[in-house]
Amino acid sequence: MVSTREYEIQGSLHIMAGGYQSRISDLLNKRDSKFIPLTDAIFLSIRNPEGEPRHADVVLVKVDCIEMIVPDSQEEQKAARDAESKGPDNVVSVKWR
């Protein structure tokens, strides 16, 4: 789950497998990147938690607005296994719940 002041967002974050910039913190601290893309995203307004969650194929989240990130531990472990098998030049996905 990615939490901002306005929304809670669940989705997949795609990062490079292994090596340079393979950590979530690398992506968040990258100076030339102001937004992170989450695919297959479901988001809910914090101001209206009883409202209907909305879906989008892609949501761009402004890095400066992120207050908290909670990766899905099972998906994170799967992504790590995928990274080992694919090598350093491939992209893996981490699901956020």
PDB file of N, CA and C in Angstrom:
ATOM      1  N   MET A   1       0.843  -1.166   0.000  1.00  0.00           N
ATOM      2  CA  MET A   1       0.000   0.000   0.000  1.00  0.00           C
ATOM      3  C   MET A   1       0.893   1.235   0.000  1.00  0.00           C
ATOM      4  N   VAL A   2       0.495   2.199  -0.794  1.00  0.00           N
ATOM      5  CA  VAL A   2       1.134   3.507  -0.786  1.00  0.00           C
ATOM      6  C   VAL A   2       0.113   4.472  -0.210  1.00  0.00           C
ATOM      7  N   SER A   3       0.526   5.217   0.780  1.00  0.00           N
ATOM      8  CA  SER A   3      -0.388   6.141   1.444  1.00  0.00           C
ATOM      9  C   SER A   3       0.094   7.573   1.231  1.00  0.00           C
ATOM     10  N   THR A   4      -0.851   8.434   0.824  1.00  0.00           N
ATOM     11  CA  THR A   4      -0.592   9.866   0.725  1.00  0.00           C
ATOM     12  C   THR A   4      -1.554  10.557   1.680  1.00  0.00           C
ATOM     13  N   ARG A   5      -1.513  11.855   1.717  1.00  0.00           N
ATOM     14  CA  ARG A   5      -2.436  12.597   2.577  1.00  0.00           C
ATOM     15  C   ARG A   5      -3.887  12.391   2.126  1.00  0.00           C
ATOM     16  N   GLU A   6      -4.097  12.154   0.845  1.00  0.00           N
ATOM     17  CA  GLU A   6      -5.442  12.055   0.281  1.00  0.00           C
ATOM     18  C   GLU A   6      -5.918  10.629  -0.004  1.00  0.00           C
ATOM     19  N   TYR A   7      -4.987   9.708  -0.325  1.00  0.00           N
ATOM     20  CA  TYR A   7      -5.392   8.390  -0.818  1.00  0.00           C
ATOM     21  C   TYR A   7      -4.570   7.256  -0.212  1.00  0.00           C
ATOM     22  N   GLU A   8      -5.182   6.076  -0.208  1.00  0.00           N
ATOM     23  CA  GLU A   8      -4.476   4.814  -0.004  1.00  0.00           C
ATOM     24  C   GLU A   8      -4.557   4.085  -1.334  1.00  0.00           C
ATOM     25  N   ILE A   9      -3.414   3.618  -1.821  1.00  0.00           N
ATOM     26  CA  ILE A   9      -3.333   3.047  -3.159  1.00  0.00           C
ATOM     27  C   ILE A   9      -2.684   1.675  -3.081  1.00  0.00           C
ATOM     28  N   GLN A  10      -3.314   0.702  -3.735  1.00  0.00           N
ATOM     29  CA  GLN A  10      -2.737  -0.633  -3.878  1.00  0.00           C
ATOM     30  C   GLN A  10      -2.428  -0.824  -5.350  1.00  0.00           C
ATOM     31  N   GLY A  11      -1.301  -1.437  -5.650  1.00  0.00           N
ATOM     32  CA  GLY A  11      -0.950  -1.676  -7.044  1.00  0.00           C
ATOM     33  C   GLY A  11       0.412  -2.326  -7.140  1.00  0.00           C
ATOM     34  N   SER A  12       0.895  -2.450  -8.366  1.00  0.00           N
ATOM     35  CA  SER A  12       2.209  -3.056  -8.611  1.00  0.00           C
ATOM     36  C   SER A  12       3.203  -1.981  -9.010  1.00  0.00           C
ATOM     37  N   LEU A  13       4.378  -2.042  -8.406  1.00  0.00           N
ATOM     38  CA  LEU A  13       5.478  -1.147  -8.731  1.00  0.00           C
ATOM     39  C   LEU A  13       6.521  -1.975  -9.464  1.00  0.00           C
ATOM     40  N   HIS A  14       7.002  -1.479 -10.582  1.00  0.00           N
ATOM     41  CA  HIS A  14       7.956  -2.218 -11.404  1.00  0.00           C
ATOM     42  C   HIS A  14       9.339  -1.594 -11.238  1.00  0.00           C
ATOM     43  N   ILE A  15      10.305  -2.418 -10.817  1.00  0.00           N
ATOM     44  CA  ILE A  15      11.669  -1.942 -10.594  1.00  0.00           C
ATOM     45  C   ILE A  15      12.651  -2.872 -11.298  1.00  0.00           C
ATOM     46  N   MET A  16      13.864  -2.373 -11.514  1.00  0.00           N
ATOM     47  CA  MET A  16      14.895  -3.192 -12.140  1.00  0.00           C
ATOM     48  C   MET A  16      15.300  -4.317 -11.182  1.00  0.00           C
ATOM     49  N   ALA A  17      15.578  -5.466 -11.736  1.00  0.00           N
ATOM     50  CA  ALA A  17      15.958  -6.626 -10.925  1.00  0.00           C
ATOM     51  C   ALA A  17      17.451  -6.610 -10.650  1.00  0.00           C
ATOM     52  N   GLY A  18      17.815  -6.609  -9.364  1.00  0.00           N
ATOM     53  CA  GLY A  18      19.214  -6.704  -8.965  1.00  0.00           C
ATOM     54  C   GLY A  18      20.056  -5.510  -9.372  1.00  0.00           C
ATOM     55  N   GLY A  19      21.181  -5.361  -8.703  1.00  0.00           N
ATOM     56  CA  GLY A  19      22.135  -4.326  -9.070  1.00  0.00           C
ATOM     57  C   GLY A  19      21.684  -2.912  -8.764  1.00  0.00           C
ATOM     58  N   TYR A  20      22.206  -1.982  -9.534  1.00  0.00           N
ATOM     59  CA  TYR A  20      21.977  -0.557  -9.340  1.00  0.00           C
ATOM     60  C   TYR A  20      20.493  -0.216  -9.470  1.00  0.00           C
ATOM     61  N   GLN A  21      19.979   0.531  -8.555  1.00  0.00           N
ATOM     62  CA  GLN A  21      18.597   1.010  -8.510  1.00  0.00           C
ATOM     63  C   GLN A  21      17.575  -0.125  -8.464  1.00  0.00           C
ATOM     64  N   SER A  22      17.887  -1.170  -7.716  1.00  0.00           N
ATOM     65  CA  SER A  22      16.951  -2.286  -7.598  1.00  0.00           C
ATOM     66  C   SER A  22      16.143  -2.234  -6.310  1.00  0.00           C
ATOM     67  N   ARG A  23      16.417  -1.233  -5.467  1.00  0.00           N
ATOM     68  CA  ARG A  23      15.678  -1.108  -4.212  1.00  0.00           C
ATOM     69  C   ARG A  23      14.599  -0.040  -4.351  1.00  0.00           C
ATOM     70  N   ILE A  24      13.549  -0.193  -3.570  1.00  0.00           N
ATOM     71  CA  ILE A  24      12.471   0.797  -3.565  1.00  0.00           C
ATOM     72  C   ILE A  24      13.029   2.164  -3.183  1.00  0.00           C
ATOM     73  N   SER A  25      13.910   2.202  -2.203  1.00  0.00           N
ATOM     74  CA  SER A  25      14.479   3.482  -1.761  1.00  0.00           C
ATOM     75  C   SER A  25      15.267   4.159  -2.883  1.00  0.00           C
ATOM     76  N   ASP A  26      15.915   3.379  -3.749  1.00  0.00           N
ATOM     77  CA  ASP A  26      16.627   3.969  -4.887  1.00  0.00           C
ATOM     78  C   ASP A  26      15.657   4.703  -5.804  1.00  0.00           C
ATOM     79  N   LEU A  27      14.530   4.091  -6.059  1.00  0.00           N
ATOM     80  CA  LEU A  27      13.523   4.703  -6.924  1.00  0.00           C
ATOM     81  C   LEU A  27      12.963   5.976  -6.296  1.00  0.00           C
ATOM     82  N   LEU A  28      12.697   5.935  -5.007  1.00  0.00           N
ATOM     83  CA  LEU A  28      12.126   7.098  -4.324  1.00  0.00           C
ATOM     84  C   LEU A  28      13.122   8.247  -4.199  1.00  0.00           C
ATOM     85  N   ASN A  29      14.407   7.933  -4.085  1.00  0.00           N
ATOM     86  CA  ASN A  29      15.427   8.963  -3.901  1.00  0.00           C
ATOM     87  C   ASN A  29      16.051   9.450  -5.203  1.00  0.00           C
ATOM     88  N   LYS A  30      15.621   8.906  -6.313  1.00  0.00           N
ATOM     89  CA  LYS A  30      16.152   9.297  -7.615  1.00  0.00           C
ATOM     90  C   LYS A  30      15.809  10.764  -7.886  1.00  0.00           C
ATOM     91  N   ARG A  31      16.802  11.576  -8.125  1.00  0.00           N
ATOM     92  CA  ARG A  31      16.595  13.023  -8.256  1.00  0.00           C
ATOM     93  C   ARG A  31      15.785  13.417  -9.482  1.00  0.00           C
ATOM     94  N   ASP A  32      15.913  12.685 -10.564  1.00  0.00           N
ATOM     95  CA  ASP A  32      15.229  13.076 -11.793  1.00  0.00           C
ATOM     96  C   ASP A  32      13.839  12.462 -11.935  1.00  0.00           C
ATOM     97  N   SER A  33      13.370  11.772 -10.915  1.00  0.00           N
ATOM     98  CA  SER A  33      12.051  11.142 -10.971  1.00  0.00           C
ATOM     99  C   SER A  33      11.136  11.759  -9.920  1.00  0.00           C
ATOM    100  N   LYS A  34      10.112  12.440 -10.369  1.00  0.00           N
ATOM    101  CA  LYS A  34       9.178  13.106  -9.455  1.00  0.00           C
ATOM    102  C   LYS A  34       7.955  12.236  -9.147  1.00  0.00           C
ATOM    103  N   PHE A  35       7.707  11.228  -9.986  1.00  0.00           N
ATOM    104  CA  PHE A  35       6.532  10.374  -9.839  1.00  0.00           C
ATOM    105  C   PHE A  35       6.940   8.912  -9.921  1.00  0.00           C
ATOM    106  N   ILE A  36       6.172   8.041  -9.250  1.00  0.00           N
ATOM    107  CA  ILE A  36       6.352   6.602  -9.428  1.00  0.00           C
ATOM    108  C   ILE A  36       5.054   6.044 -10.008  1.00  0.00           C
ATOM    109  N   PRO A  37       5.157   5.141 -10.978  1.00  0.00           N
ATOM    110  CA  PRO A  37       3.957   4.543 -11.554  1.00  0.00           C
ATOM    111  C   PRO A  37       3.552   3.278 -10.794  1.00  0.00           C
ATOM    112  N   LEU A  38       2.280   3.159 -10.496  1.00  0.00           N
ATOM    113  CA  LEU A  38       1.708   1.926  -9.952  1.00  0.00           C
ATOM    114  C   LEU A  38       0.717   1.410 -10.978  1.00  0.00           C
ATOM    115  N   THR A  39       0.848   0.150 -11.364  1.00  0.00           N
ATOM    116  CA  THR A  39      -0.071  -0.424 -12.340  1.00  0.00           C
ATOM    117  C   THR A  39      -1.126  -1.268 -11.638  1.00  0.00           C
ATOM    118  N   ASP A  40      -2.220  -1.500 -12.352  1.00  0.00           N
ATOM    119  CA  ASP A  40      -3.353  -2.260 -11.818  1.00  0.00           C
ATOM    120  C   ASP A  40      -3.709  -1.733 -10.430  1.00  0.00           C
ATOM    121  N   ALA A  41      -3.884  -0.419 -10.355  1.00  0.00           N
ATOM    122  CA  ALA A  41      -4.041   0.274  -9.074  1.00  0.00           C
ATOM    123  C   ALA A  41      -5.495   0.359  -8.622  1.00  0.00           C
ATOM    124  N   ILE A  42      -5.677   0.209  -7.328  1.00  0.00           N
ATOM    125  CA  ILE A  42      -6.965   0.432  -6.669  1.00  0.00           C
ATOM    126  C   ILE A  42      -6.711   1.502  -5.625  1.00  0.00           C
ATOM    127  N   PHE A  43      -7.494   2.580  -5.676  1.00  0.00           N
ATOM    128  CA  PHE A  43      -7.255   3.663  -4.725  1.00  0.00           C
ATOM    129  C   PHE A  43      -8.551   4.115  -4.079  1.00  0.00           C
ATOM    130  N   LEU A  44      -8.410   4.573  -2.839  1.00  0.00           N
ATOM    131  CA  LEU A  44      -9.544   4.974  -2.012  1.00  0.00           C
ATOM    132  C   LEU A  44      -9.206   6.287  -1.329  1.00  0.00           C
ATOM    133  N   SER A  45     -10.162   7.199  -1.339  1.00  0.00           N
ATOM    134  CA  SER A  45      -9.979   8.485  -0.682  1.00  0.00           C
ATOM    135  C   SER A  45      -9.982   8.300   0.831  1.00  0.00           C
ATOM    136  N   ILE A  46      -8.993   8.849   1.508  1.00  0.00           N
ATOM    137  CA  ILE A  46      -8.937   8.781   2.965  1.00  0.00           C
ATOM    138  C   ILE A  46     -10.043   9.629   3.573  1.00  0.00           C
ATOM    139  N   ARG A  47     -10.405  10.689   2.887  1.00  0.00           N
ATOM    140  CA  ARG A  47     -11.476  11.566   3.379  1.00  0.00           C
ATOM    141  C   ARG A  47     -12.848  10.912   3.296  1.00  0.00           C
ATOM    142  N   ASN A  48     -12.984   9.922   2.417  1.00  0.00           N
ATOM    143  CA  ASN A  48     -14.260   9.238   2.243  1.00  0.00           C
ATOM    144  C   ASN A  48     -14.031   7.722   2.244  1.00  0.00           C
ATOM    145  N   PRO A  49     -13.650   7.142   3.392  1.00  0.00           N
ATOM    146  CA  PRO A  49     -13.321   5.717   3.435  1.00  0.00           C
ATOM    147  C   PRO A  49     -14.508   4.795   3.158  1.00  0.00           C
ATOM    148  N   GLU A  50     -15.707   5.316   3.268  1.00  0.00           N
ATOM    149  CA  GLU A  50     -16.894   4.511   2.971  1.00  0.00           C
ATOM    150  C   GLU A  50     -17.215   4.515   1.479  1.00  0.00           C
ATOM    151  N   GLY A  51     -16.516   5.344   0.718  1.00  0.00           N
ATOM    152  CA  GLY A  51     -16.756   5.435  -0.722  1.00  0.00           C
ATOM    153  C   GLY A  51     -16.266   4.202  -1.458  1.00  0.00           C
ATOM    154  N   GLU A  52     -16.603   4.153  -2.730  1.00  0.00           N
ATOM    155  CA  GLU A  52     -16.193   3.034  -3.577  1.00  0.00           C
ATOM    156  C   GLU A  52     -14.724   3.176  -3.971  1.00  0.00           C
ATOM    157  N   PRO A  53     -13.945   2.119  -3.827  1.00  0.00           N
ATOM    158  CA  PRO A  53     -12.579   2.153  -4.348  1.00  0.00           C
ATOM    159  C   PRO A  53     -12.625   2.293  -5.872  1.00  0.00           C
ATOM    160  N   ARG A  54     -11.658   2.999  -6.417  1.00  0.00           N
ATOM    161  CA  ARG A  54     -11.586   3.185  -7.862  1.00  0.00           C
ATOM    162  C   ARG A  54     -10.399   2.405  -8.408  1.00  0.00           C
ATOM    163  N   HIS A  55     -10.506   1.991  -9.663  1.00  0.00           N
ATOM    164  CA  HIS A  55      -9.443   1.235 -10.322  1.00  0.00           C
ATOM    165  C   HIS A  55      -8.896   2.041 -11.493  1.00  0.00           C
ATOM    166  N   ALA A  56      -7.595   1.928 -11.707  1.00  0.00           N
ATOM    167  CA  ALA A  56      -6.954   2.517 -12.881  1.00  0.00           C
ATOM    168  C   ALA A  56      -5.835   1.588 -13.332  1.00  0.00           C
ATOM    169  N   ASP A  57      -5.645   1.502 -14.642  1.00  0.00           N
ATOM    170  CA  ASP A  57      -4.554   0.674 -15.157  1.00  0.00           C
ATOM    171  C   ASP A  57      -3.201   1.192 -14.682  1.00  0.00           C
ATOM    172  N   VAL A  58      -3.069   2.533 -14.626  1.00  0.00           N
ATOM    173  CA  VAL A  58      -1.833   3.164 -14.162  1.00  0.00           C
ATOM    174  C   VAL A  58      -2.180   4.388 -13.328  1.00  0.00           C
ATOM    175  N   VAL A  59      -1.502   4.540 -12.204  1.00  0.00           N
ATOM    176  CA  VAL A  59      -1.606   5.742 -11.375  1.00  0.00           C
ATOM    177  C   VAL A  59      -0.179   6.253 -11.177  1.00  0.00           C
ATOM    178  N   LEU A  60       0.025   7.538 -11.426  1.00  0.00           N
ATOM    179  CA  LEU A  60       1.318   8.166 -11.162  1.00  0.00           C
ATOM    180  C   LEU A  60       1.224   8.882  -9.827  1.00  0.00           C
ATOM    181  N   VAL A  61       2.069   8.487  -8.882  1.00  0.00           N
ATOM    182  CA  VAL A  61       2.039   9.049  -7.534  1.00  0.00           C
ATOM    183  C   VAL A  61       3.241   9.979  -7.369  1.00  0.00           C
ATOM    184  N   LYS A  62       2.983  11.213  -6.966  1.00  0.00           N
ATOM    185  CA  LYS A  62       4.062  12.174  -6.752  1.00  0.00           C
ATOM    186  C   LYS A  62       4.874  11.746  -5.529  1.00  0.00           C
ATOM    187  N   VAL A  63       6.165  11.564  -5.731  1.00  0.00           N
ATOM    188  CA  VAL A  63       7.047  11.062  -4.677  1.00  0.00           C
ATOM    189  C   VAL A  63       6.979  11.941  -3.431  1.00  0.00           C
ATOM    190  N   ASP A  64       6.927  13.257  -3.606  1.00  0.00           N
ATOM    191  CA  ASP A  64       6.883  14.178  -2.463  1.00  0.00           C
ATOM    192  C   ASP A  64       5.616  14.029  -1.622  1.00  0.00           C
ATOM    193  N   CYS A  65       4.574  13.421  -2.187  1.00  0.00           N
ATOM    194  CA  CYS A  65       3.302  13.267  -1.466  1.00  0.00           C
ATOM    195  C   CYS A  65       3.202  11.952  -0.700  1.00  0.00           C
ATOM    196  N   ILE A  66       4.136  11.041  -0.920  1.00  0.00           N
ATOM    197  CA  ILE A  66       4.082   9.732  -0.269  1.00  0.00           C
ATOM    198  C   ILE A  66       4.410   9.877   1.209  1.00  0.00           C
ATOM    199  N   GLU A  67       3.523   9.351   2.046  1.00  0.00           N
ATOM    200  CA  GLU A  67       3.734   9.376   3.493  1.00  0.00           C
ATOM    201  C   GLU A  67       4.161   8.015   4.032  1.00  0.00           C
ATOM    202  N   MET A  68       3.713   6.932   3.376  1.00  0.00           N
ATOM    203  CA  MET A  68       4.033   5.590   3.867  1.00  0.00           C
ATOM    204  C   MET A  68       3.941   4.602   2.712  1.00  0.00           C
ATOM    205  N   ILE A  69       4.819   3.596   2.741  1.00  0.00           N
ATOM    206  CA  ILE A  69       4.785   2.506   1.774  1.00  0.00           C
ATOM    207  C   ILE A  69       4.855   1.199   2.545  1.00  0.00           C
ATOM    208  N   VAL A  70       3.939   0.287   2.230  1.00  0.00           N
ATOM    209  CA  VAL A  70       3.925  -1.029   2.868  1.00  0.00           C
ATOM    210  C   VAL A  70       3.869  -2.080   1.764  1.00  0.00           C
ATOM    211  N   PRO A  71       4.998  -2.742   1.464  1.00  0.00           N
ATOM    212  CA  PRO A  71       4.971  -3.781   0.439  1.00  0.00           C
ATOM    213  C   PRO A  71       4.283  -5.043   0.949  1.00  0.00           C
ATOM    214  N   ASP A  72       3.654  -5.755   0.048  1.00  0.00           N
ATOM    215  CA  ASP A  72       3.069  -7.056   0.356  1.00  0.00           C
ATOM    216  C   ASP A  72       4.240  -8.028   0.487  1.00  0.00           C
ATOM    217  N   SER A  73       4.450  -8.596   1.666  1.00  0.00           N
ATOM    218  CA  SER A  73       5.646  -9.407   1.922  1.00  0.00           C
ATOM    219  C   SER A  73       5.727 -10.631   1.016  1.00  0.00           C
ATOM    220  N   GLN A  74       4.611 -11.280   0.717  1.00  0.00           N
ATOM    221  CA  GLN A  74       4.639 -12.445  -0.164  1.00  0.00           C
ATOM    222  C   GLN A  74       5.036 -12.040  -1.577  1.00  0.00           C
ATOM    223  N   GLU A  75       4.487 -10.936  -2.058  1.00  0.00           N
ATOM    224  CA  GLU A  75       4.828 -10.464  -3.397  1.00  0.00           C
ATOM    225  C   GLU A  75       6.279  -9.999  -3.455  1.00  0.00           C
ATOM    226  N   GLU A  76       6.753  -9.399  -2.375  1.00  0.00           N
ATOM    227  CA  GLU A  76       8.138  -8.938  -2.324  1.00  0.00           C
ATOM    228  C   GLU A  76       9.093 -10.130  -2.398  1.00  0.00           C
ATOM    229  N   GLN A  77       8.776 -11.216  -1.708  1.00  0.00           N
ATOM    230  CA  GLN A  77       9.606 -12.416  -1.755  1.00  0.00           C
ATOM    231  C   GLN A  77       9.581 -13.029  -3.150  1.00  0.00           C
ATOM    232  N   LYS A  78       8.411 -13.048  -3.774  1.00  0.00           N
ATOM    233  CA  LYS A  78       8.292 -13.570  -5.141  1.00  0.00           C
ATOM    234  C   LYS A  78       9.130 -12.723  -6.098  1.00  0.00           C
ATOM    235  N   ALA A  79       9.074 -11.407  -5.946  1.00  0.00           N
ATOM    236  CA  ALA A  79       9.855 -10.516  -6.805  1.00  0.00           C
ATOM    237  C   ALA A  79      11.348 -10.760  -6.630  1.00  0.00           C
ATOM    238  N   ALA A  80      11.787 -11.012  -5.410  1.00  0.00           N
ATOM    239  CA  ALA A  80      13.205 -11.293  -5.157  1.00  0.00           C
ATOM    240  C   ALA A  80      13.625 -12.586  -5.852  1.00  0.00           C
ATOM    241  N   ARG A  81      12.773 -13.605  -5.799  1.00  0.00           N
ATOM    242  CA  ARG A  81      13.078 -14.867  -6.489  1.00  0.00           C
ATOM    243  C   ARG A  81      13.131 -14.643  -7.998  1.00  0.00           C
ATOM    244  N   ASP A  82      12.174 -13.865  -8.522  1.00  0.00           N
ATOM    245  CA  ASP A  82      12.154 -13.563  -9.952  1.00  0.00           C
ATOM    246  C   ASP A  82      13.421 -12.821 -10.367  1.00  0.00           C
ATOM    247  N   ALA A  83      13.866 -11.899  -9.522  1.00  0.00           N
ATOM    248  CA  ALA A  83      15.065 -11.117  -9.825  1.00  0.00           C
ATOM    249  C   ALA A  83      16.288 -12.019  -9.922  1.00  0.00           C
ATOM    250  N   GLU A  84      16.385 -12.993  -9.029  1.00  0.00           N
ATOM    251  CA  GLU A  84      17.522 -13.911  -9.048  1.00  0.00           C
ATOM    252  C   GLU A  84      17.539 -14.731 -10.327  1.00  0.00           C
ATOM    253  N   SER A  85      16.363 -15.130 -10.796  1.00  0.00           N
ATOM    254  CA  SER A  85      16.308 -15.981 -11.980  1.00  0.00           C
ATOM    255  C   SER A  85      16.441 -15.194 -13.282  1.00  0.00           C
ATOM    256  N   LYS A  86      16.061 -13.907 -13.277  1.00  0.00           N
ATOM    257  CA  LYS A  86      16.088 -13.120 -14.507  1.00  0.00           C
ATOM    258  C   LYS A  86      17.408 -12.405 -14.740  1.00  0.00           C
ATOM    259  N   GLY A  87      18.144 -12.121 -13.696  1.00  0.00           N
ATOM    260  CA  GLY A  87      19.394 -11.389 -13.849  1.00  0.00           C
ATOM    261  C   GLY A  87      19.196  -9.895 -13.673  1.00  0.00           C
ATOM    262  N   PRO A  88      20.290  -9.129 -13.706  1.00  0.00           N
ATOM    263  CA  PRO A  88      20.247  -7.720 -13.332  1.00  0.00           C
ATOM    264  C   PRO A  88      19.608  -6.786 -14.348  1.00  0.00           C
ATOM    265  N   ASP A  89      19.383  -7.204 -15.573  1.00  0.00           N
ATOM    266  CA  ASP A  89      18.873  -6.279 -16.586  1.00  0.00           C
ATOM    267  C   ASP A  89      17.376  -6.394 -16.827  1.00  0.00           C
ATOM    268  N   ASN A  90      16.664  -7.091 -15.988  1.00  0.00           N
ATOM    269  CA  ASN A  90      15.234  -7.270 -16.183  1.00  0.00           C
ATOM    270  C   ASN A  90      14.442  -6.545 -15.112  1.00  0.00           C
ATOM    271  N   VAL A  91      13.172  -6.363 -15.399  1.00  0.00           N
ATOM    272  CA  VAL A  91      12.266  -5.656 -14.497  1.00  0.00           C
ATOM    273  C   VAL A  91      11.410  -6.666 -13.754  1.00  0.00           C
ATOM    274  N   VAL A  92      11.226  -6.450 -12.459  1.00  0.00           N
ATOM    275  CA  VAL A  92      10.321  -7.276 -11.667  1.00  0.00           C
ATOM    276  C   VAL A  92       9.254  -6.379 -11.065  1.00  0.00           C
ATOM    277  N   SER A  93       8.157  -6.978 -10.652  1.00  0.00           N
ATOM    278  CA  SER A  93       7.052  -6.227 -10.071  1.00  0.00           C
ATOM    279  C   SER A  93       6.926  -6.548  -8.594  1.00  0.00           C
ATOM    280  N   VAL A  94       6.595  -5.532  -7.815  1.00  0.00           N
ATOM    281  CA  VAL A  94       6.309  -5.711  -6.395  1.00  0.00           C
ATOM    282  C   VAL A  94       4.898  -5.217  -6.157  1.00  0.00           C
ATOM    283  N   LYS A  95       4.068  -6.061  -5.599  1.00  0.00           N
ATOM    284  CA  LYS A  95       2.680  -5.693  -5.320  1.00  0.00           C
ATOM    285  C   LYS A  95       2.605  -4.986  -3.985  1.00  0.00           C
ATOM    286  N   TRP A  96       1.840  -3.918  -3.932  1.00  0.00           N
ATOM    287  CA  TRP A  96       1.656  -3.141  -2.705  1.00  0.00           C
ATOM    288  C   TRP A  96       0.245  -3.338  -2.221  1.00  0.00           C
ATOM    289  N   ARG A  97       0.091  -3.755  -0.978  1.00  0.00           N
ATOM    290  CA  ARG A  97      -1.235  -3.967  -0.401  1.00  0.00           C
ATOM    291  C   ARG A  97      -1.383  -3.139   0.831  1.00  0.00           C
TER     292      ARG A  97
END
